Amino acid sequence: MVILFLPVHYMLWRKFSIWYHLFFLITLAPTMLIGAALKSDTGASS
């Protein structure tokens, strides 16, 4: 997911301020981990 979005994020670098990029990149990994944990929880109960 990160590898696919990096070129797009690079092109948007000049259009958004640094806080946008930092927020996006810092929250990306925890969001994916939470999503994976939720997905595995719902799969185990089926």
N, C-alpha and C. Protein backbone atom coordinates (compact mmCIF):
# COMPACT_ATOMS: atom_id res chain seq x y z
N MET A 1 0.82 -1.19 0.00
CA MET A 1 0.00 0.00 0.00
C MET A 1 0.87 1.25 0.00
N VAL A 2 1.87 1.26 0.85
CA VAL A 2 2.75 2.43 0.94
C VAL A 2 3.51 2.62 -0.36
N ILE A 3 4.02 1.53 -0.92
CA ILE A 3 4.81 1.62 -2.15
C ILE A 3 3.96 2.15 -3.32
N LEU A 4 2.69 1.74 -3.36
CA LEU A 4 1.82 2.21 -4.44
C LEU A 4 1.48 3.69 -4.30
N PHE A 5 1.39 4.18 -3.07
CA PHE A 5 0.97 5.57 -2.87
C PHE A 5 2.14 6.56 -2.82
N LEU A 6 3.37 6.08 -2.65
CA LEU A 6 4.50 7.00 -2.54
C LEU A 6 4.66 7.93 -3.75
N PRO A 7 4.53 7.45 -4.99
CA PRO A 7 4.64 8.41 -6.11
C PRO A 7 3.57 9.50 -6.08
N VAL A 8 2.36 9.13 -5.71
CA VAL A 8 1.28 10.12 -5.63
C VAL A 8 1.57 11.11 -4.50
N HIS A 9 2.00 10.59 -3.37
CA HIS A 9 2.32 11.45 -2.23
C HIS A 9 3.46 12.41 -2.58
N TYR A 10 4.43 11.93 -3.32
CA TYR A 10 5.55 12.77 -3.75
C TYR A 10 5.05 13.92 -4.64
N MET A 11 4.12 13.62 -5.55
CA MET A 11 3.59 14.66 -6.43
C MET A 11 2.77 15.69 -5.65
N LEU A 12 2.17 15.28 -4.53
CA LEU A 12 1.36 16.20 -3.73
C LEU A 12 2.19 16.99 -2.72
N TRP A 13 3.48 16.72 -2.64
CA TRP A 13 4.33 17.31 -1.60
C TRP A 13 4.25 18.83 -1.57
N ARG A 14 4.25 19.46 -2.73
CA ARG A 14 4.26 20.93 -2.79
C ARG A 14 2.88 21.54 -2.55
N LYS A 15 1.82 20.75 -2.68
CA LYS A 15 0.47 21.28 -2.55
C LYS A 15 -0.02 21.33 -1.11
N PHE A 16 0.60 20.55 -0.22
CA PHE A 16 0.16 20.49 1.17
C PHE A 16 1.32 20.83 2.09
N SER A 17 0.99 21.30 3.28
CA SER A 17 2.03 21.67 4.23
C SER A 17 2.65 20.43 4.87
N ILE A 18 3.74 20.62 5.57
CA ILE A 18 4.50 19.51 6.15
C ILE A 18 3.68 18.75 7.18
N TRP A 19 2.78 19.43 7.92
CA TRP A 19 1.99 18.72 8.94
C TRP A 19 1.09 17.68 8.32
N TYR A 20 0.59 17.92 7.12
CA TYR A 20 -0.25 16.94 6.43
C TYR A 20 0.55 15.68 6.15
N HIS A 21 1.73 15.85 5.61
CA HIS A 21 2.56 14.71 5.26
C HIS A 21 2.99 13.93 6.50
N LEU A 22 3.39 14.64 7.54
CA LEU A 22 3.79 13.97 8.77
C LEU A 22 2.62 13.20 9.39
N PHE A 23 1.46 13.82 9.44
CA PHE A 23 0.29 13.15 10.00
C PHE A 23 -0.04 11.89 9.21
N PHE A 24 -0.04 12.00 7.89
CA PHE A 24 -0.36 10.85 7.05
C PHE A 24 0.64 9.72 7.24
N LEU A 25 1.92 10.03 7.17
CA LEU A 25 2.94 8.99 7.24
C LEU A 25 3.04 8.37 8.64
N ILE A 26 2.86 9.17 9.68
CA ILE A 26 2.97 8.65 11.04
C ILE A 26 1.76 7.78 11.39
N THR A 27 0.58 8.15 10.92
CA THR A 27 -0.61 7.38 11.28
C THR A 27 -0.87 6.20 10.34
N LEU A 28 -0.14 6.09 9.27
CA LEU A 28 -0.38 5.03 8.30
C LEU A 28 -0.12 3.64 8.88
N ALA A 29 1.00 3.43 9.53
CA ALA A 29 1.33 2.11 10.07
C ALA A 29 0.37 1.68 11.18
N PRO A 30 0.10 2.52 12.19
CA PRO A 30 -0.85 2.09 13.22
C PRO A 30 -2.25 1.80 12.67
N THR A 31 -2.68 2.59 11.67
CA THR A 31 -3.99 2.36 11.07
C THR A 31 -4.04 1.01 10.37
N MET A 32 -3.00 0.64 9.67
CA MET A 32 -2.96 -0.67 9.01
C MET A 32 -2.93 -1.79 10.04
N LEU A 33 -2.21 -1.62 11.14
CA LEU A 33 -2.16 -2.65 12.18
C LEU A 33 -3.52 -2.82 12.85
N ILE A 34 -4.19 -1.72 13.11
CA ILE A 34 -5.53 -1.80 13.72
C ILE A 34 -6.50 -2.49 12.75
N GLY A 35 -6.43 -2.14 11.50
CA GLY A 35 -7.30 -2.77 10.51
C GLY A 35 -7.03 -4.26 10.39
N ALA A 36 -5.77 -4.65 10.42
CA ALA A 36 -5.43 -6.08 10.35
C ALA A 36 -5.92 -6.81 11.59
N ALA A 37 -5.81 -6.19 12.75
CA ALA A 37 -6.28 -6.82 13.99
C ALA A 37 -7.81 -6.97 13.96
N LEU A 38 -8.50 -5.97 13.49
CA LEU A 38 -9.96 -6.06 13.40
C LEU A 38 -10.39 -7.13 12.39
N LYS A 39 -9.69 -7.22 11.29
CA LYS A 39 -10.01 -8.21 10.26
C LYS A 39 -9.78 -9.62 10.80
N SER A 40 -8.69 -9.83 11.54
CA SER A 40 -8.40 -11.17 12.06
C SER A 40 -9.39 -11.54 13.16
N ASP A 41 -9.89 -10.56 13.92
CA ASP A 41 -10.88 -10.83 14.97
C ASP A 41 -12.21 -11.27 14.35
N THR A 42 -12.62 -10.63 13.28
CA THR A 42 -13.89 -11.00 12.67
C THR A 42 -13.79 -12.33 11.92
N GLY A 43 -12.62 -12.64 11.41
CA GLY A 43 -12.43 -13.93 10.72
C GLY A 43 -12.39 -15.10 11.67
N ALA A 44 -11.93 -14.90 12.89
CA ALA A 44 -11.82 -15.98 13.87
C ALA A 44 -13.19 -16.37 14.42
N SER A 45 -14.14 -15.44 14.45
CA SER A 45 -15.44 -15.75 15.01
C SER A 45 -16.39 -16.39 14.01
N SER A 46 -16.04 -16.41 12.73
CA SER A 46 -16.92 -16.98 11.69
C SER A 46 -16.80 -18.47 11.62
